[in-house]
Amino acid sequence: MTENSFIRESERPIVSQNVSILLVEDHSEFRQSIADYLRLRGMRVTEAASGIEFYRALRQARFDVAVLDINLPDTSGFDLAAELSAREDMGIIMLTARKEREDRLRGYGDGAHLYFTKPVDSEELALAIENLARRGRQQVNRAVGNSSSTLRLDRARQTLHDPAGRFVRLSGRELVLLDYLATRPNITVSREEIAGLFGDIEPDPESRALDAALTRLRAKLKAKDVELPLRVIKGVGLRLMANIKVE
């Protein structure tokens, strides 16, 4: 069986909504065939051939769905799924030639929402991607809509304001961090992703630099009696539990 036979394309691809996909597959010809079809449906596809490229892509953009092969040259798709499982905004699909029951169970156990085996029907895959992306966006929108108060981030003045009119002046890094988190309310953002905001090429998950920065930020907020519901997810990253309006 050739890699070309791993995808059964529909004759008339239906144009999709603008969904962002991270496609992780080390076989270039198969990856390209999948990517080309999804792009025909109006989806934005970022291709990655390894775990290193996967992490680099995550630092540069936000994705609605990740489609992961299991057998990669430098890591396992299972490990990548587990890495993404804490993120409520991203759907996870395993797409692999491994068909054993144990592999399926591990895939779901590591956080996959769907598990497809090759050959895969391209239209079925595309519809599954659309459904996962729609559910993720609805969940985020509900979380934002349920926020009881709105903070305001003033980029020009480099300040954070609360509904009572109190404000805190931010450092450059604090501004970049809050600006980024404001686009991801109620979503867990990994330490690696945060480190990428500041240009760290190979972020160290064990680094305490982020913790020190958060301690300084919280001290500023406490001094001005400004509340920022920022939750630290141990071993994973940060989650902003409120809506911030950016101006």
C-alpha atoms as a PDB file:
ATOM      1  CA  MET A   1       0.000   0.000   0.000  1.00  0.00           C
ATOM      2  CA  THR A   2       1.393   3.383  -0.980  1.00  0.00           C
ATOM      3  CA  GLU A   3       1.000   6.569   1.018  1.00  0.00           C
ATOM      4  CA  ASN A   4      -1.195   7.975  -1.799  1.00  0.00           C
ATOM      5  CA  SER A   5      -3.744   5.255  -1.040  1.00  0.00           C
ATOM      6  CA  PHE A   6      -3.996   6.479   2.562  1.00  0.00           C
ATOM      7  CA  ILE A   7      -6.463   9.232   1.552  1.00  0.00           C
ATOM      8  CA  ARG A   8      -9.729   8.803  -0.337  1.00  0.00           C
ATOM      9  CA  GLU A   9     -10.633  12.234  -1.669  1.00  0.00           C
ATOM     10  CA  SER A  10     -14.212  13.307  -2.327  1.00  0.00           C
ATOM     11  CA  GLU A  11     -14.935  14.522  -5.852  1.00  0.00           C
ATOM     12  CA  ARG A  12     -16.509  17.817  -4.823  1.00  0.00           C
ATOM     13  CA  PRO A  13     -14.922  19.366  -1.737  1.00  0.00           C
ATOM     14  CA  ILE A  14     -17.279  21.719   0.071  1.00  0.00           C
ATOM     15  CA  VAL A  15     -15.839  25.078   1.022  1.00  0.00           C
ATOM     16  CA  SER A  16     -15.504  25.272   4.795  1.00  0.00           C
ATOM     17  CA  GLN A  17     -15.425  28.021   7.353  1.00  0.00           C
ATOM     18  CA  ASN A  18     -11.999  29.477   8.124  1.00  0.00           C
ATOM     19  CA  VAL A  19     -10.587  26.860  10.472  1.00  0.00           C
ATOM     20  CA  SER A  20      -6.930  26.716  11.506  1.00  0.00           C
ATOM     21  CA  ILE A  21      -5.261  23.282  11.475  1.00  0.00           C
ATOM     22  CA  LEU A  22      -1.903  22.041  12.725  1.00  0.00           C
ATOM     23  CA  LEU A  23      -1.124  18.923  10.685  1.00  0.00           C
ATOM     24  CA  VAL A  24       1.721  16.805  12.090  1.00  0.00           C
ATOM     25  CA  GLU A  25       2.852  14.048   9.715  1.00  0.00           C
ATOM     26  CA  ASP A  26       6.408  13.046   8.767  1.00  0.00           C
ATOM     27  CA  HIS A  27       5.606  11.542   5.351  1.00  0.00           C
ATOM     28  CA  SER A  28       5.777  14.566   3.055  1.00  0.00           C
ATOM     29  CA  GLU A  29       3.665  13.219   0.181  1.00  0.00           C
ATOM     30  CA  PHE A  30       0.820  12.069   2.405  1.00  0.00           C
ATOM     31  CA  ARG A  31       0.966  15.253   4.493  1.00  0.00           C
ATOM     32  CA  GLN A  32       0.774  17.367   1.346  1.00  0.00           C
ATOM     33  CA  SER A  33      -2.232  15.441  -0.003  1.00  0.00           C
ATOM     34  CA  ILE A  34      -4.156  15.979   3.242  1.00  0.00           C
ATOM     35  CA  ALA A  35      -3.122  19.642   3.467  1.00  0.00           C
ATOM     36  CA  ASP A  36      -4.108  20.350  -0.147  1.00  0.00           C
ATOM     37  CA  TYR A  37      -7.595  18.928   0.349  1.00  0.00           C
ATOM     38  CA  LEU A  38      -8.217  20.841   3.575  1.00  0.00           C
ATOM     39  CA  ARG A  39      -7.042  24.062   1.930  1.00  0.00           C
ATOM     40  CA  LEU A  40      -9.522  23.457  -0.888  1.00  0.00           C
ATOM     41  CA  ARG A  41     -12.203  23.595   1.776  1.00  0.00           C
ATOM     42  CA  GLY A  42     -10.998  27.016   2.912  1.00  0.00           C
ATOM     43  CA  MET A  43      -9.055  25.817   5.958  1.00  0.00           C
ATOM     44  CA  ARG A  44      -5.710  27.294   7.007  1.00  0.00           C
ATOM     45  CA  VAL A  45      -3.194  24.469   7.368  1.00  0.00           C
ATOM     46  CA  THR A  46       0.219  24.620   9.021  1.00  0.00           C
ATOM     47  CA  GLU A  47       2.336  21.564   8.287  1.00  0.00           C
ATOM     48  CA  ALA A  48       4.837  19.997  10.693  1.00  0.00           C
ATOM     49  CA  ALA A  49       7.025  16.957  10.075  1.00  0.00           C
ATOM     50  CA  SER A  50       8.331  16.461  13.611  1.00  0.00           C
ATOM     51  CA  GLY A  51       7.838  17.272  17.260  1.00  0.00           C
ATOM     52  CA  ILE A  52      10.278  20.175  16.991  1.00  0.00           C
ATOM     53  CA  GLU A  53       8.229  21.729  14.190  1.00  0.00           C
ATOM     54  CA  PHE A  54       5.042  21.083  16.186  1.00  0.00           C
ATOM     55  CA  TYR A  55       6.311  23.114  19.170  1.00  0.00           C
ATOM     56  CA  ARG A  56       7.645  25.850  16.911  1.00  0.00           C
ATOM     57  CA  ALA A  57       4.233  26.194  15.239  1.00  0.00           C
ATOM     58  CA  LEU A  58       2.444  26.347  18.605  1.00  0.00           C
ATOM     59  CA  ARG A  59       4.622  29.273  19.649  1.00  0.00           C
ATOM     60  CA  GLN A  60       3.759  31.205  16.509  1.00  0.00           C
ATOM     61  CA  ALA A  61       0.000  30.771  16.118  1.00  0.00           C
ATOM     62  CA  ARG A  62      -3.254  29.521  17.586  1.00  0.00           C
ATOM     63  CA  PHE A  63      -4.966  26.458  16.083  1.00  0.00           C
ATOM     64  CA  ASP A  64      -8.511  25.113  16.268  1.00  0.00           C
ATOM     65  CA  VAL A  65      -7.557  21.475  15.671  1.00  0.00           C
ATOM     66  CA  ALA A  66      -4.348  19.426  15.707  1.00  0.00           C
ATOM     67  CA  VAL A  67      -4.169  16.347  13.464  1.00  0.00           C
ATOM     68  CA  LEU A  68      -1.394  14.075  14.738  1.00  0.00           C
ATOM     69  CA  ASP A  69       0.417  11.076  13.322  1.00  0.00           C
ATOM     70  CA  ILE A  70       1.767   8.696  15.976  1.00  0.00           C
ATOM     71  CA  ASN A  71       5.100   7.624  14.494  1.00  0.00           C
ATOM     72  CA  LEU A  72       7.283  10.724  14.251  1.00  0.00           C
ATOM     73  CA  PRO A  73      11.075  10.911  13.951  1.00  0.00           C
ATOM     74  CA  ASP A  74      11.718  12.639  17.279  1.00  0.00           C
ATOM     75  CA  THR A  75       8.638  11.968  19.420  1.00  0.00           C
ATOM     76  CA  SER A  76       5.275  10.194  19.555  1.00  0.00           C
ATOM     77  CA  GLY A  77       1.905  11.587  18.576  1.00  0.00           C
ATOM     78  CA  PHE A  78       0.657  10.183  21.873  1.00  0.00           C
ATOM     79  CA  ASP A  79       3.007  12.526  23.726  1.00  0.00           C
ATOM     80  CA  LEU A  80       1.875  15.498  21.628  1.00  0.00           C
ATOM     81  CA  ALA A  81      -1.783  14.680  22.353  1.00  0.00           C
ATOM     82  CA  ALA A  82      -1.063  14.531  26.066  1.00  0.00           C
ATOM     83  CA  GLU A  83       0.683  17.899  25.788  1.00  0.00           C
ATOM     84  CA  LEU A  84      -2.418  19.449  24.204  1.00  0.00           C
ATOM     85  CA  SER A  85      -5.016  17.715  26.372  1.00  0.00           C
ATOM     86  CA  ALA A  86      -5.177  20.540  28.930  1.00  0.00           C
ATOM     87  CA  ARG A  87      -6.118  23.048  26.234  1.00  0.00           C
ATOM     88  CA  GLU A  88      -9.875  23.439  26.052  1.00  0.00           C
ATOM     89  CA  ASP A  89      -9.724  25.454  22.831  1.00  0.00           C
ATOM     90  CA  MET A  90      -8.076  22.845  20.592  1.00  0.00           C
ATOM     91  CA  GLY A  91      -9.495  19.648  19.139  1.00  0.00           C
ATOM     92  CA  ILE A  92      -7.158  16.646  18.847  1.00  0.00           C
ATOM     93  CA  ILE A  93      -7.370  14.026  16.098  1.00  0.00           C
ATOM     94  CA  MET A  94      -5.017  11.057  15.804  1.00  0.00           C
ATOM     95  CA  LEU A  95      -4.440  10.018  12.169  1.00  0.00           C
ATOM     96  CA  THR A  96      -2.279   6.911  11.916  1.00  0.00           C
ATOM     97  CA  ALA A  97      -1.698   3.528  10.314  1.00  0.00           C
ATOM     98  CA  ARG A  98      -1.739   1.906  13.764  1.00  0.00           C
ATOM     99  CA  LYS A  99      -5.055   0.072  14.109  1.00  0.00           C
ATOM    100  CA  GLU A 100      -4.627  -2.016  17.248  1.00  0.00           C
ATOM    101  CA  ARG A 101      -7.170  -1.635  20.043  1.00  0.00           C
ATOM    102  CA  GLU A 102      -4.384  -0.798  22.506  1.00  0.00           C
ATOM    103  CA  ASP A 103      -3.268   2.107  20.321  1.00  0.00           C
ATOM    104  CA  ARG A 104      -6.820   3.476  20.103  1.00  0.00           C
ATOM    105  CA  LEU A 105      -7.267   3.233  23.862  1.00  0.00           C
ATOM    106  CA  ARG A 106      -3.961   4.982  24.485  1.00  0.00           C
ATOM    107  CA  GLY A 107      -4.852   7.703  21.981  1.00  0.00           C
ATOM    108  CA  TYR A 108      -8.120   8.480  23.735  1.00  0.00           C
ATOM    109  CA  GLY A 109      -6.461   8.160  27.110  1.00  0.00           C
ATOM    110  CA  ASP A 110      -3.830  10.734  26.127  1.00  0.00           C
ATOM    111  CA  GLY A 111      -6.489  13.254  25.123  1.00  0.00           C
ATOM    112  CA  ALA A 112      -7.494  12.569  21.518  1.00  0.00           C
ATOM    113  CA  HIS A 113     -11.085  13.474  20.700  1.00  0.00           C
ATOM    114  CA  LEU A 114     -11.097  11.285  17.572  1.00  0.00           C
ATOM    115  CA  TYR A 115      -8.907   8.446  16.290  1.00  0.00           C
ATOM    116  CA  PHE A 116      -8.760   7.832  12.514  1.00  0.00           C
ATOM    117  CA  THR A 117      -6.775   5.091  10.803  1.00  0.00           C
ATOM    118  CA  LYS A 118      -5.357   5.184   7.286  1.00  0.00           C
ATOM    119  CA  PRO A 119      -6.821   5.071   4.695  1.00  0.00           C
ATOM    120  CA  VAL A 120      -9.005   8.002   5.698  1.00  0.00           C
ATOM    121  CA  ASP A 121     -11.949   9.516   3.860  1.00  0.00           C
ATOM    122  CA  SER A 122     -10.943  13.133   3.284  1.00  0.00           C
ATOM    123  CA  GLU A 123     -14.462  14.546   3.579  1.00  0.00           C
ATOM    124  CA  GLU A 124     -15.116  12.643   6.816  1.00  0.00           C
ATOM    125  CA  LEU A 125     -11.862  14.021   8.224  1.00  0.00           C
ATOM    126  CA  ALA A 126     -12.742  17.565   7.148  1.00  0.00           C
ATOM    127  CA  LEU A 127     -16.215  17.384   8.713  1.00  0.00           C
ATOM    128  CA  ALA A 128     -14.754  16.015  11.938  1.00  0.00           C
ATOM    129  CA  ILE A 129     -12.294  18.928  12.012  1.00  0.00           C
ATOM    130  CA  GLU A 130     -15.103  21.439  11.475  1.00  0.00           C
ATOM    131  CA  ASN A 131     -17.185  19.955  14.283  1.00  0.00           C
ATOM    132  CA  LEU A 132     -14.309  20.003  16.767  1.00  0.00           C
ATOM    133  CA  ALA A 133     -13.407  23.577  15.831  1.00  0.00           C
ATOM    134  CA  ARG A 134     -17.015  24.732  16.237  1.00  0.00           C
ATOM    135  CA  ARG A 135     -17.373  23.091  19.642  1.00  0.00           C
ATOM    136  CA  GLY A 136     -14.126  24.630  20.862  1.00  0.00           C
ATOM    137  CA  ARG A 137     -15.171  28.118  19.790  1.00  0.00           C
ATOM    138  CA  GLN A 138     -18.601  27.741  21.363  1.00  0.00           C
ATOM    139  CA  GLN A 139     -17.028  26.702  24.647  1.00  0.00           C
ATOM    140  CA  VAL A 140     -14.679  29.691  24.637  1.00  0.00           C
ATOM    141  CA  ASN A 141     -17.517  32.076  23.745  1.00  0.00           C
ATOM    142  CA  ARG A 142     -19.677  30.751  26.584  1.00  0.00           C
ATOM    143  CA  ALA A 143     -16.813  31.196  29.033  1.00  0.00           C
ATOM    144  CA  VAL A 144     -16.251  34.776  27.891  1.00  0.00           C
ATOM    145  CA  GLY A 145     -19.969  35.550  28.003  1.00  0.00           C
ATOM    146  CA  ASN A 146     -20.214  34.289  31.570  1.00  0.00           C
ATOM    147  CA  SER A 147     -17.471  36.622  32.794  1.00  0.00           C
ATOM    148  CA  SER A 148     -18.954  38.859  35.512  1.00  0.00           C
ATOM    149  CA  SER A 149     -16.588  41.787  34.982  1.00  0.00           C
ATOM    150  CA  THR A 150     -14.366  43.143  32.253  1.00  0.00           C
ATOM    151  CA  LEU A 151     -10.830  44.354  32.714  1.00  0.00           C
ATOM    152  CA  ARG A 152      -9.364  46.794  30.189  1.00  0.00           C
ATOM    153  CA  LEU A 153      -5.853  46.683  28.774  1.00  0.00           C
ATOM    154  CA  ASP A 154      -4.604  49.989  27.368  1.00  0.00           C
ATOM    155  CA  ARG A 155      -1.716  49.174  25.042  1.00  0.00           C
ATOM    156  CA  ALA A 156      -0.714  52.784  24.343  1.00  0.00           C
ATOM    157  CA  ARG A 157      -0.503  53.741  28.030  1.00  0.00           C
ATOM    158  CA  GLN A 158       0.729  50.282  29.043  1.00  0.00           C
ATOM    159  CA  THR A 159      -1.860  49.994  31.825  1.00  0.00           C
ATOM    160  CA  LEU A 160      -4.438  47.498  33.102  1.00  0.00           C
ATOM    161  CA  HIS A 161      -7.753  48.965  34.364  1.00  0.00           C
ATOM    162  CA  ASP A 162     -10.483  47.318  36.440  1.00  0.00           C
ATOM    163  CA  PRO A 163     -14.235  48.170  36.350  1.00  0.00           C
ATOM    164  CA  ALA A 164     -13.861  50.348  39.478  1.00  0.00           C
ATOM    165  CA  GLY A 165     -11.419  52.675  37.717  1.00  0.00           C
ATOM    166  CA  ARG A 166      -8.255  51.452  39.425  1.00  0.00           C
ATOM    167  CA  PHE A 167      -5.254  50.788  37.188  1.00  0.00           C
ATOM    168  CA  VAL A 168      -1.769  49.323  37.229  1.00  0.00           C
ATOM    169  CA  ARG A 169       1.210  50.301  35.062  1.00  0.00           C
ATOM    170  CA  LEU A 170       2.771  47.321  33.304  1.00  0.00           C
ATOM    171  CA  SER A 171       6.280  46.478  32.197  1.00  0.00           C
ATOM    172  CA  GLY A 172       6.857  45.595  28.554  1.00  0.00           C
ATOM    173  CA  ARG A 173       6.825  41.865  29.261  1.00  0.00           C
ATOM    174  CA  GLU A 174       3.711  42.106  31.421  1.00  0.00           C
ATOM    175  CA  LEU A 175       1.938  43.955  28.618  1.00  0.00           C
ATOM    176  CA  VAL A 176       2.919  41.322  26.039  1.00  0.00           C
ATOM    177  CA  LEU A 177       1.803  38.503  28.348  1.00  0.00           C
ATOM    178  CA  LEU A 178      -1.599  40.009  29.201  1.00  0.00           C
ATOM    179  CA  ASP A 179      -2.206  41.043  25.597  1.00  0.00           C
ATOM    180  CA  TYR A 180      -1.639  37.431  24.543  1.00  0.00           C
ATOM    181  CA  LEU A 181      -3.754  35.921  27.337  1.00  0.00           C
ATOM    182  CA  ALA A 182      -6.578  38.357  26.530  1.00  0.00           C
ATOM    183  CA  THR A 183      -7.130  36.526  23.234  1.00  0.00           C
ATOM    184  CA  ARG A 184      -7.391  33.209  25.086  1.00  0.00           C
ATOM    185  CA  PRO A 185      -9.715  33.684  28.083  1.00  0.00           C
ATOM    186  CA  ASN A 186     -10.436  30.496  30.028  1.00  0.00           C
ATOM    187  CA  ILE A 187      -7.858  28.616  27.944  1.00  0.00           C
ATOM    188  CA  THR A 188      -4.732  27.042  29.400  1.00  0.00           C
ATOM    189  CA  VAL A 189      -1.609  28.490  27.752  1.00  0.00           C
ATOM    190  CA  SER A 190       1.540  26.379  28.144  1.00  0.00           C
ATOM    191  CA  ARG A 191       4.782  27.609  29.695  1.00  0.00           C
ATOM    192  CA  GLU A 192       6.553  26.849  26.417  1.00  0.00           C
ATOM    193  CA  GLU A 193       4.065  28.985  24.499  1.00  0.00           C
ATOM    194  CA  ILE A 194       4.551  31.876  26.937  1.00  0.00           C
ATOM    195  CA  ALA A 195       8.329  31.564  26.719  1.00  0.00           C
ATOM    196  CA  GLY A 196       8.007  31.785  22.944  1.00  0.00           C
ATOM    197  CA  LEU A 197       6.393  35.216  23.292  1.00  0.00           C
ATOM    198  CA  PHE A 198       9.677  36.531  24.617  1.00  0.00           C
ATOM    199  CA  GLY A 199      11.863  34.896  21.986  1.00  0.00           C
ATOM    200  CA  ASP A 200      13.163  31.900  23.944  1.00  0.00           C
ATOM    201  CA  ILE A 201      14.267  29.436  21.259  1.00  0.00           C
ATOM    202  CA  GLU A 202      14.409  26.401  23.551  1.00  0.00           C
ATOM    203  CA  PRO A 203      12.240  27.219  26.596  1.00  0.00           C
ATOM    204  CA  ASP A 204      12.985  25.311  29.775  1.00  0.00           C
ATOM    205  CA  PRO A 205       9.751  24.008  31.393  1.00  0.00           C
ATOM    206  CA  GLU A 206      11.526  23.973  34.768  1.00  0.00           C
ATOM    207  CA  SER A 207      12.587  27.624  34.571  1.00  0.00           C
ATOM    208  CA  ARG A 208      11.360  29.774  37.450  1.00  0.00           C
ATOM    209  CA  ALA A 209      11.562  33.013  35.431  1.00  0.00           C
ATOM    210  CA  LEU A 210       7.824  32.943  34.722  1.00  0.00           C
ATOM    211  CA  ASP A 211       6.987  32.374  38.391  1.00  0.00           C
ATOM    212  CA  ALA A 212       9.161  35.333  39.383  1.00  0.00           C
ATOM    213  CA  ALA A 213       7.456  37.544  36.793  1.00  0.00           C
ATOM    214  CA  LEU A 214       4.015  36.517  38.061  1.00  0.00           C
ATOM    215  CA  THR A 215       5.029  37.250  41.640  1.00  0.00           C
ATOM    216  CA  ARG A 216       6.062  40.793  40.651  1.00  0.00           C
ATOM    217  CA  LEU A 217       2.858  41.330  38.668  1.00  0.00           C
ATOM    218  CA  ARG A 218       0.645  40.105  41.511  1.00  0.00           C
ATOM    219  CA  ALA A 219       2.458  42.408  43.948  1.00  0.00           C
ATOM    220  CA  LYS A 220       1.673  45.366  41.687  1.00  0.00           C
ATOM    221  CA  LEU A 221      -1.970  44.369  41.421  1.00  0.00           C
ATOM    222  CA  LYS A 222      -2.338  43.842  45.167  1.00  0.00           C
ATOM    223  CA  ALA A 223      -0.814  47.248  45.912  1.00  0.00           C
ATOM    224  CA  LYS A 224      -3.490  48.914  43.749  1.00  0.00           C
ATOM    225  CA  ASP A 225      -6.266  46.553  44.872  1.00  0.00           C
ATOM    226  CA  VAL A 226      -6.774  45.356  41.279  1.00  0.00           C
ATOM    227  CA  GLU A 227      -7.906  41.748  40.933  1.00  0.00           C
ATOM    228  CA  LEU A 228      -6.642  39.673  38.012  1.00  0.00           C
ATOM    229  CA  PRO A 229      -8.082  36.124  38.058  1.00  0.00           C
ATOM    230  CA  LEU A 230      -4.999  34.398  36.685  1.00  0.00           C
ATOM    231  CA  ARG A 231      -4.766  30.716  37.539  1.00  0.00           C
ATOM    232  CA  VAL A 232      -1.508  28.747  37.484  1.00  0.00           C
ATOM    233  CA  ILE A 233      -2.072  25.208  36.179  1.00  0.00           C
ATOM    234  CA  LYS A 234       0.729  23.268  37.865  1.00  0.00           C
ATOM    235  CA  GLY A 235       3.173  21.762  35.436  1.00  0.00           C
ATOM    236  CA  VAL A 236       1.242  23.086  32.433  1.00  0.00           C
ATOM    237  CA  GLY A 237       0.906  26.878  32.257  1.00  0.00           C
ATOM    238  CA  LEU A 238      -1.514  29.751  32.879  1.00  0.00           C
ATOM    239  CA  ARG A 239      -5.230  30.310  32.462  1.00  0.00           C
ATOM    240  CA  LEU A 240      -6.883  33.745  32.495  1.00  0.00           C
ATOM    241  CA  MET A 241     -10.254  33.325  34.210  1.00  0.00           C
ATOM    242  CA  ALA A 242     -11.705  36.654  33.079  1.00  0.00           C
ATOM    243  CA  ASN A 243     -12.415  38.709  29.988  1.00  0.00           C
ATOM    244  CA  ILE A 244      -9.971  41.523  29.140  1.00  0.00           C
ATOM    245  CA  LYS A 245     -10.910  44.222  26.650  1.00  0.00           C
ATOM    246  CA  VAL A 246      -7.858  45.339  24.689  1.00  0.00           C
ATOM    247  CA  GLU A 247      -7.634  48.905  23.397  1.00  0.00           C
END
